[in-house]
All heavy atoms as atom14 arrays in JSON, in Angstrom:
{
  "sequence": "QTEAMTLGDRIVIMRDGFIQQIGTPQEVFDHPNNLFVSG",
  "atom14_mask": [
    [1, 1, 1, 1, 1, 1, 1, 1, 1, 0, 0, 0, 0, 0],
    [1, 1, 1, 1, 1, 1, 1, 0, 0, 0, 0, 0, 0, 0],
    [1, 1, 1, 1, 1, 1, 1, 1, 1, 0, 0, 0, 0, 0],
    [1, 1, 1, 1, 1, 0, 0, 0, 0, 0, 0, 0, 0, 0],
    [1, 1, 1, 1, 1, 1, 1, 1, 0, 0, 0, 0, 0, 0],
    [1, 1, 1, 1, 1, 1, 1, 0, 0, 0, 0, 0, 0, 0],
    [1, 1, 1, 1, 1, 1, 1, 1, 0, 0, 0, 0, 0, 0],
    [1, 1, 1, 1, 0, 0, 0, 0, 0, 0, 0, 0, 0, 0],
    [1, 1, 1, 1, 1, 1, 1, 1, 0, 0, 0, 0, 0, 0],
    [1, 1, 1, 1, 1, 1, 1, 1, 1, 1, 1, 0, 0, 0],
    [1, 1, 1, 1, 1, 1, 1, 1, 0, 0, 0, 0, 0, 0],
    [1, 1, 1, 1, 1, 1, 1, 0, 0, 0, 0, 0, 0, 0],
    [1, 1, 1, 1, 1, 1, 1, 1, 0, 0, 0, 0, 0, 0],
    [1, 1, 1, 1, 1, 1, 1, 1, 0, 0, 0, 0, 0, 0],
    [1, 1, 1, 1, 1, 1, 1, 1, 1, 1, 1, 0, 0, 0],
    [1, 1, 1, 1, 1, 1, 1, 1, 0, 0, 0, 0, 0, 0],
    [1, 1, 1, 1, 0, 0, 0, 0, 0, 0, 0, 0, 0, 0],
    [1, 1, 1, 1, 1, 1, 1, 1, 1, 1, 1, 0, 0, 0],
    [1, 1, 1, 1, 1, 1, 1, 1, 0, 0, 0, 0, 0, 0],
    [1, 1, 1, 1, 1, 1, 1, 1, 1, 0, 0, 0, 0, 0],
    [1, 1, 1, 1, 1, 1, 1, 1, 1, 0, 0, 0, 0, 0],
    [1, 1, 1, 1, 1, 1, 1, 1, 0, 0, 0, 0, 0, 0],
    [1, 1, 1, 1, 0, 0, 0, 0, 0, 0, 0, 0, 0, 0],
    [1, 1, 1, 1, 1, 1, 1, 0, 0, 0, 0, 0, 0, 0],
    [1, 1, 1, 1, 1, 1, 1, 0, 0, 0, 0, 0, 0, 0],
    [1, 1, 1, 1, 1, 1, 1, 1, 1, 0, 0, 0, 0, 0],
    [1, 1, 1, 1, 1, 1, 1, 1, 1, 0, 0, 0, 0, 0],
    [1, 1, 1, 1, 1, 1, 1, 0, 0, 0, 0, 0, 0, 0],
    [1, 1, 1, 1, 1, 1, 1, 1, 1, 1, 1, 0, 0, 0],
    [1, 1, 1, 1, 1, 1, 1, 1, 0, 0, 0, 0, 0, 0],
    [1, 1, 1, 1, 1, 1, 1, 1, 1, 1, 0, 0, 0, 0],
    [1, 1, 1, 1, 1, 1, 1, 0, 0, 0, 0, 0, 0, 0],
    [1, 1, 1, 1, 1, 1, 1, 1, 0, 0, 0, 0, 0, 0],
    [1, 1, 1, 1, 1, 1, 1, 1, 0, 0, 0, 0, 0, 0],
    [1, 1, 1, 1, 1, 1, 1, 1, 0, 0, 0, 0, 0, 0],
    [1, 1, 1, 1, 1, 1, 1, 1, 1, 1, 1, 0, 0, 0],
    [1, 1, 1, 1, 1, 1, 1, 0, 0, 0, 0, 0, 0, 0],
    [1, 1, 1, 1, 1, 1, 0, 0, 0, 0, 0, 0, 0, 0],
    [1, 1, 1, 1, 0, 0, 0, 0, 0, 0, 0, 0, 0, 0]
  ],
  "atom14_positions": [
    [[-61.14, -26.54, 82.44], [-60.83, -25.53, 83.44], [-62.07, -24.75, 83.87], [-62.12, -24.19, 84.97], [-59.73, -24.61, 82.91], [-59.98, -23.97, 81.6], [-60.4, -22.53, 81.69], [-60.39, -21.98, 82.77], [-60.68, -21.95, 80.56], [0.0, 0.0, 0.0], [0.0, 0.0, 0.0], [0.0, 0.0, 0.0], [0.0, 0.0, 0.0], [0.0, 0.0, 0.0]],
    [[-63.15, -24.73, 83.04], [-64.38, -24.04, 83.47], [-65.01, -24.78, 84.62], [-65.46, -24.17, 85.61], [-65.38, -23.96, 82.29], [-64.77, -23.29, 81.22], [-66.63, -23.18, 82.71], [0.0, 0.0, 0.0], [0.0, 0.0, 0.0], [0.0, 0.0, 0.0], [0.0, 0.0, 0.0], [0.0, 0.0, 0.0], [0.0, 0.0, 0.0], [0.0, 0.0, 0.0]],
    [[-65.02, -26.12, 84.56], [-65.56, -26.91, 85.72], [-64.68, -26.67, 86.95], [-65.23, -26.47, 88.04], [-65.51, -28.43, 85.36], [-66.62, -28.87, 84.46], [-66.53, -30.36, 84.16], [-66.08, -31.14, 85.0], [-66.87, -30.73, 83.02], [0.0, 0.0, 0.0], [0.0, 0.0, 0.0], [0.0, 0.0, 0.0], [0.0, 0.0, 0.0], [0.0, 0.0, 0.0]],
    [[-63.38, -26.65, 86.75], [-62.49, -26.45, 87.89], [-62.75, -25.1, 88.56], [-62.85, -24.99, 89.79], [-61.03, -26.56, 87.45], [0.0, 0.0, 0.0], [0.0, 0.0, 0.0], [0.0, 0.0, 0.0], [0.0, 0.0, 0.0], [0.0, 0.0, 0.0], [0.0, 0.0, 0.0], [0.0, 0.0, 0.0], [0.0, 0.0, 0.0], [0.0, 0.0, 0.0]],
    [[-62.88, -24.07, 87.74], [-63.07, -22.71, 88.29], [-64.39, -22.53, 88.98], [-64.51, -21.8, 89.97], [-62.91, -21.67, 87.17], [-61.57, -21.61, 86.52], [-60.3, -20.88, 87.57], [-60.68, -19.13, 87.44], [0.0, 0.0, 0.0], [0.0, 0.0, 0.0], [0.0, 0.0, 0.0], [0.0, 0.0, 0.0], [0.0, 0.0, 0.0], [0.0, 0.0, 0.0]],
    [[-65.47, -23.21, 88.48], [-66.79, -22.99, 89.03], [-67.1, -23.92, 90.24], [-67.91, -23.55, 91.07], [-67.86, -23.17, 87.97], [-67.7, -24.47, 87.34], [-67.8, -22.11, 86.91], [0.0, 0.0, 0.0], [0.0, 0.0, 0.0], [0.0, 0.0, 0.0], [0.0, 0.0, 0.0], [0.0, 0.0, 0.0], [0.0, 0.0, 0.0], [0.0, 0.0, 0.0]],
    [[-66.44, -25.05, 90.29], [-66.79, -26.05, 91.34], [-65.88, -26.02, 92.56], [-66.31, -26.23, 93.67], [-66.76, -27.46, 90.72], [-67.85, -27.81, 89.71], [-67.55, -29.17, 89.09], [-69.2, -27.76, 90.33], [0.0, 0.0, 0.0], [0.0, 0.0, 0.0], [0.0, 0.0, 0.0], [0.0, 0.0, 0.0], [0.0, 0.0, 0.0], [0.0, 0.0, 0.0]],
    [[-64.58, -25.78, 92.36], [-63.63, -26.05, 93.42], [-63.5, -24.97, 94.47], [-63.49, -23.76, 94.13], [0.0, 0.0, 0.0], [0.0, 0.0, 0.0], [0.0, 0.0, 0.0], [0.0, 0.0, 0.0], [0.0, 0.0, 0.0], [0.0, 0.0, 0.0], [0.0, 0.0, 0.0], [0.0, 0.0, 0.0], [0.0, 0.0, 0.0], [0.0, 0.0, 0.0]],
    [[-63.4, -25.37, 95.73], [-62.9, -24.42, 96.79], [-61.45, -24.08, 96.48], [-61.01, -22.96, 96.59], [-63.01, -25.06, 98.17], [-64.43, -25.31, 98.59], [-65.31, -24.52, 98.18], [-64.66, -26.3, 99.3], [0.0, 0.0, 0.0], [0.0, 0.0, 0.0], [0.0, 0.0, 0.0], [0.0, 0.0, 0.0], [0.0, 0.0, 0.0], [0.0, 0.0, 0.0]],
    [[-60.68, -25.13, 96.18], [-59.3, -24.98, 95.68], [-59.14, -25.89, 94.47], [-59.8, -26.91, 94.37], [-58.27, -25.38, 96.75], [-58.18, -24.37, 97.91], [-57.01, -24.73, 98.83], [-57.21, -26.05, 99.45], [-56.24, -26.83, 99.89], [-54.96, -26.48, 99.76], [-56.52, -28.0, 100.46], [0.0, 0.0, 0.0], [0.0, 0.0, 0.0], [0.0, 0.0, 0.0]],
    [[-58.22, -25.5, 93.58], [-57.93, -26.34, 92.44], [-56.44, -26.69, 92.43], [-55.62, -25.9, 92.92], [-58.37, -25.72, 91.1], [-57.69, -24.39, 90.83], [-59.86, -25.5, 91.08], [-58.12, -23.77, 89.52], [0.0, 0.0, 0.0], [0.0, 0.0, 0.0], [0.0, 0.0, 0.0], [0.0, 0.0, 0.0], [0.0, 0.0, 0.0], [0.0, 0.0, 0.0]],
    [[-56.16, -27.89, 91.99], [-54.78, -28.41, 91.91], [-54.5, -28.6, 90.43], [-55.1, -29.43, 89.78], [-54.68, -29.77, 92.66], [-53.23, -30.28, 92.56], [-55.08, -29.61, 94.12], [0.0, 0.0, 0.0], [0.0, 0.0, 0.0], [0.0, 0.0, 0.0], [0.0, 0.0, 0.0], [0.0, 0.0, 0.0], [0.0, 0.0, 0.0], [0.0, 0.0, 0.0]],
    [[-53.57, -27.8, 89.9], [-53.25, -27.87, 88.48], [-52.04, -28.76, 88.32], [-50.99, -28.56, 88.94], [-52.96, -26.46, 87.92], [-54.2, -25.58, 88.12], [-52.61, -26.52, 86.44], [-53.91, -24.09, 88.12], [0.0, 0.0, 0.0], [0.0, 0.0, 0.0], [0.0, 0.0, 0.0], [0.0, 0.0, 0.0], [0.0, 0.0, 0.0], [0.0, 0.0, 0.0]],
    [[-52.18, -29.77, 87.45], [-51.14, -30.78, 87.27], [-50.6, -30.77, 85.83], [-51.33, -30.42, 84.91], [-51.67, -32.2, 87.62], [-52.06, -32.35, 89.06], [-52.6, -34.07, 89.4], [-51.04, -34.96, 89.2], [0.0, 0.0, 0.0], [0.0, 0.0, 0.0], [0.0, 0.0, 0.0], [0.0, 0.0, 0.0], [0.0, 0.0, 0.0], [0.0, 0.0, 0.0]],
    [[-49.36, -31.17, 85.73], [-48.7, -31.28, 84.4], [-47.61, -32.34, 84.51], [-46.75, -32.27, 85.43], [-48.13, -30.0, 83.96], [-47.46, -30.04, 82.56], [-46.69, -28.76, 82.34], [-46.23, -28.61, 80.97], [-45.35, -27.71, 80.56], [-44.85, -26.83, 81.45], [-45.01, -27.66, 79.33], [0.0, 0.0, 0.0], [0.0, 0.0, 0.0], [0.0, 0.0, 0.0]],
    [[-47.65, -33.34, 83.65], [-46.59, -34.38, 83.59], [-46.3, -35.0, 84.95], [-45.16, -35.25, 85.3], [-45.29, -33.77, 83.03], [-45.46, -33.19, 81.65], [-46.43, -33.61, 80.95], [-44.7, -32.33, 81.25], [0.0, 0.0, 0.0], [0.0, 0.0, 0.0], [0.0, 0.0, 0.0], [0.0, 0.0, 0.0], [0.0, 0.0, 0.0], [0.0, 0.0, 0.0]],
    [[-47.35, -35.25, 85.7], [-47.2, -35.94, 87.03], [-46.88, -35.05, 88.2], [-46.8, -35.52, 89.33], [0.0, 0.0, 0.0], [0.0, 0.0, 0.0], [0.0, 0.0, 0.0], [0.0, 0.0, 0.0], [0.0, 0.0, 0.0], [0.0, 0.0, 0.0], [0.0, 0.0, 0.0], [0.0, 0.0, 0.0], [0.0, 0.0, 0.0], [0.0, 0.0, 0.0]],
    [[-46.6, -33.77, 87.95], [-46.24, -32.85, 89.01], [-47.35, -31.82, 89.28], [-48.02, -31.4, 88.33], [-44.96, -32.1, 88.68], [-43.71, -32.9, 88.75], [-43.21, -33.55, 87.65], [-43.0, -33.04, 89.98], [-42.06, -34.32, 87.71], [-41.86, -33.79, 90.05], [-41.36, -34.42, 88.91], [0.0, 0.0, 0.0], [0.0, 0.0, 0.0], [0.0, 0.0, 0.0]],
    [[-47.51, -31.42, 90.52], [-48.38, -30.3, 90.82], [-47.7, -28.99, 90.39], [-46.56, -28.73, 90.73], [-48.71, -30.25, 92.32], [-49.52, -31.43, 92.77], [-49.42, -28.95, 92.74], [-49.77, -31.53, 94.26], [0.0, 0.0, 0.0], [0.0, 0.0, 0.0], [0.0, 0.0, 0.0], [0.0, 0.0, 0.0], [0.0, 0.0, 0.0], [0.0, 0.0, 0.0]],
    [[-48.45, -28.17, 89.65], [-47.88, -26.89, 89.22], [-48.31, -25.76, 90.16], [-47.56, -24.83, 90.37], [-48.41, -26.55, 87.8], [-48.01, -27.58, 86.75], [-46.51, -27.62, 86.51], [-45.9, -26.58, 86.2], [-45.91, -28.78, 86.63], [0.0, 0.0, 0.0], [0.0, 0.0, 0.0], [0.0, 0.0, 0.0], [0.0, 0.0, 0.0], [0.0, 0.0, 0.0]],
    [[-49.55, -25.85, 90.66], [-50.04, -24.8, 91.56], [-51.26, -25.32, 92.3], [-52.08, -26.05, 91.73], [-50.36, -23.49, 90.82], [-50.71, -22.33, 91.73], [-50.75, -21.0, 90.99], [-50.41, -20.94, 89.8], [-51.1, -19.93, 91.68], [0.0, 0.0, 0.0], [0.0, 0.0, 0.0], [0.0, 0.0, 0.0], [0.0, 0.0, 0.0], [0.0, 0.0, 0.0]],
    [[-51.43, -24.88, 93.56], [-52.62, -25.17, 94.34], [-53.13, -23.83, 94.85], [-52.37, -22.98, 95.38], [-52.32, -26.05, 95.56], [-51.72, -27.4, 95.11], [-53.6, -26.32, 96.35], [-51.21, -28.27, 96.25], [0.0, 0.0, 0.0], [0.0, 0.0, 0.0], [0.0, 0.0, 0.0], [0.0, 0.0, 0.0], [0.0, 0.0, 0.0], [0.0, 0.0, 0.0]],
    [[-54.42, -23.57, 94.68], [-54.96, -22.32, 95.17], [-56.46, -22.23, 94.88], [-57.03, -23.11, 94.23], [0.0, 0.0, 0.0], [0.0, 0.0, 0.0], [0.0, 0.0, 0.0], [0.0, 0.0, 0.0], [0.0, 0.0, 0.0], [0.0, 0.0, 0.0], [0.0, 0.0, 0.0], [0.0, 0.0, 0.0], [0.0, 0.0, 0.0], [0.0, 0.0, 0.0]],
    [[-57.11, -21.18, 95.37], [-58.49, -20.93, 95.03], [-58.55, -20.59, 93.53], [-57.56, -20.14, 92.94], [-59.09, -19.79, 95.86], [-58.4, -18.55, 95.45], [-58.9, -19.99, 97.34], [0.0, 0.0, 0.0], [0.0, 0.0, 0.0], [0.0, 0.0, 0.0], [0.0, 0.0, 0.0], [0.0, 0.0, 0.0], [0.0, 0.0, 0.0], [0.0, 0.0, 0.0]],
    [[-59.74, -20.73, 92.92], [-59.83, -20.38, 91.49], [-59.39, -18.94, 91.24], [-58.69, -18.67, 90.25], [-61.34, -20.55, 91.21], [-61.76, -21.64, 92.16], [-60.95, -21.41, 93.44], [0.0, 0.0, 0.0], [0.0, 0.0, 0.0], [0.0, 0.0, 0.0], [0.0, 0.0, 0.0], [0.0, 0.0, 0.0], [0.0, 0.0, 0.0], [0.0, 0.0, 0.0]],
    [[-59.74, -18.01, 92.12], [-59.34, -16.63, 91.92], [-57.84, -16.44, 92.05], [-57.21, -15.68, 91.3], [-60.07, -15.72, 92.96], [-60.09, -14.23, 92.54], [-60.9, -14.01, 91.27], [-62.04, -14.44, 91.17], [-60.32, -13.36, 90.28], [0.0, 0.0, 0.0], [0.0, 0.0, 0.0], [0.0, 0.0, 0.0], [0.0, 0.0, 0.0], [0.0, 0.0, 0.0]],
    [[-57.2, -17.14, 92.98], [-55.76, -17.03, 93.16], [-55.0, -17.48, 91.95], [-54.09, -16.82, 91.49], [-55.33, -17.87, 94.38], [-55.62, -17.24, 95.73], [-55.38, -18.18, 96.87], [-55.1, -19.38, 96.66], [-55.51, -17.73, 98.04], [0.0, 0.0, 0.0], [0.0, 0.0, 0.0], [0.0, 0.0, 0.0], [0.0, 0.0, 0.0], [0.0, 0.0, 0.0]],
    [[-55.4, -18.64, 91.38], [-54.63, -19.17, 90.23], [-54.92, -18.33, 88.97], [-54.1, -18.28, 88.07], [-54.88, -20.67, 89.98], [-54.41, -21.5, 91.16], [-56.33, -20.95, 89.68], [0.0, 0.0, 0.0], [0.0, 0.0, 0.0], [0.0, 0.0, 0.0], [0.0, 0.0, 0.0], [0.0, 0.0, 0.0], [0.0, 0.0, 0.0], [0.0, 0.0, 0.0]],
    [[-56.09, -17.73, 88.93], [-56.41, -16.87, 87.77], [-55.61, -15.55, 87.88], [-55.06, -15.09, 86.88], [-57.92, -16.57, 87.75], [-58.37, -15.73, 86.59], [-58.62, -16.35, 85.33], [-58.54, -14.39, 86.7], [-59.03, -15.59, 84.26], [-58.92, -13.59, 85.6], [-59.18, -14.19, 84.39], [0.0, 0.0, 0.0], [0.0, 0.0, 0.0], [0.0, 0.0, 0.0]],
    [[-55.59, -14.96, 89.09], [-54.94, -13.65, 89.24], [-53.42, -13.77, 89.37], [-52.71, -12.84, 89.0], [-55.49, -12.94, 90.49], [-56.94, -12.49, 90.32], [-57.38, -12.37, 89.15], [-57.61, -12.29, 91.33], [0.0, 0.0, 0.0], [0.0, 0.0, 0.0], [0.0, 0.0, 0.0], [0.0, 0.0, 0.0], [0.0, 0.0, 0.0], [0.0, 0.0, 0.0]],
    [[-52.93, -14.88, 89.96], [-51.52, -15.01, 90.27], [-50.96, -16.36, 89.84], [-50.59, -17.21, 90.67], [-51.26, -14.82, 91.76], [-51.84, -13.56, 92.3], [-51.42, -12.3, 91.94], [-52.85, -13.33, 93.23], [-52.11, -11.35, 92.56], [-52.98, -11.96, 93.35], [0.0, 0.0, 0.0], [0.0, 0.0, 0.0], [0.0, 0.0, 0.0], [0.0, 0.0, 0.0]],
    [[-50.96, -16.65, 88.51], [-50.4, -17.94, 88.06], [-48.91, -18.08, 88.4], [-48.15, -17.15, 88.21], [-50.65, -17.92, 86.57], [-50.71, -16.44, 86.21], [-51.35, -15.8, 87.39], [0.0, 0.0, 0.0], [0.0, 0.0, 0.0], [0.0, 0.0, 0.0], [0.0, 0.0, 0.0], [0.0, 0.0, 0.0], [0.0, 0.0, 0.0], [0.0, 0.0, 0.0]],
    [[-48.53, -19.28, 88.87], [-47.13, -19.52, 89.28], [-46.2, -19.53, 88.08], [-45.04, -19.18, 88.22], [-47.07, -20.87, 89.97], [-47.26, -20.77, 91.46], [-47.4, -19.67, 91.97], [-47.28, -21.93, 92.13], [0.0, 0.0, 0.0], [0.0, 0.0, 0.0], [0.0, 0.0, 0.0], [0.0, 0.0, 0.0], [0.0, 0.0, 0.0], [0.0, 0.0, 0.0]],
    [[-46.69, -19.98, 86.94], [-45.8, -20.12, 85.8], [-46.57, -20.02, 84.51], [-47.81, -19.83, 84.49], [-45.03, -21.45, 85.88], [-45.96, -22.65, 85.94], [-46.99, -22.71, 85.28], [-45.63, -23.62, 86.8], [0.0, 0.0, 0.0], [0.0, 0.0, 0.0], [0.0, 0.0, 0.0], [0.0, 0.0, 0.0], [0.0, 0.0, 0.0], [0.0, 0.0, 0.0]],
    [[-45.82, -20.09, 83.39], [-46.41, -19.9, 82.06], [-47.49, -20.94, 81.77], [-48.51, -20.63, 81.18], [-45.28, -19.98, 81.02], [-45.44, -19.26, 79.7], [-45.58, -17.74, 79.94], [-44.26, -19.51, 78.8], [0.0, 0.0, 0.0], [0.0, 0.0, 0.0], [0.0, 0.0, 0.0], [0.0, 0.0, 0.0], [0.0, 0.0, 0.0], [0.0, 0.0, 0.0]],
    [[-47.25, -22.19, 82.17], [-48.22, -23.24, 81.92], [-49.55, -22.94, 82.6], [-50.63, -23.02, 81.96], [-47.69, -24.59, 82.4], [-48.73, -25.68, 82.31], [-49.06, -26.27, 81.11], [-49.4, -26.09, 83.46], [-50.01, -27.27, 81.03], [-50.38, -27.1, 83.38], [-50.68, -27.67, 82.18], [0.0, 0.0, 0.0], [0.0, 0.0, 0.0], [0.0, 0.0, 0.0]],
    [[-49.52, -22.6, 83.87], [-50.76, -22.31, 84.63], [-51.47, -21.11, 83.98], [-52.69, -21.12, 83.82], [-50.46, -22.02, 86.1], [-51.69, -21.58, 86.82], [-49.9, -23.3, 86.78], [0.0, 0.0, 0.0], [0.0, 0.0, 0.0], [0.0, 0.0, 0.0], [0.0, 0.0, 0.0], [0.0, 0.0, 0.0], [0.0, 0.0, 0.0], [0.0, 0.0, 0.0]],
    [[-50.73, -20.09, 83.61], [-51.34, -18.89, 83.04], [-52.07, -19.21, 81.77], [-53.12, -18.63, 81.46], [-50.28, -17.8, 82.82], [-49.43, -18.13, 81.7], [0.0, 0.0, 0.0], [0.0, 0.0, 0.0], [0.0, 0.0, 0.0], [0.0, 0.0, 0.0], [0.0, 0.0, 0.0], [0.0, 0.0, 0.0], [0.0, 0.0, 0.0], [0.0, 0.0, 0.0]],
    [[-51.53, -20.12, 80.95], [-52.17, -20.47, 79.68], [-53.27, -21.47, 79.85], [-54.22, -21.52, 79.04], [0.0, 0.0, 0.0], [0.0, 0.0, 0.0], [0.0, 0.0, 0.0], [0.0, 0.0, 0.0], [0.0, 0.0, 0.0], [0.0, 0.0, 0.0], [0.0, 0.0, 0.0], [0.0, 0.0, 0.0], [0.0, 0.0, 0.0], [0.0, 0.0, 0.0]]
  ]
}
């Protein structure tokens, strides 16, 4: 996740084949969609 946060204009967080959240690194850090993304 350090690579994701430092490199991406946007990051796509995946779990079990599904997209959990799409957003800028700051967006997903400040406003995680769910418990998995927040952790």
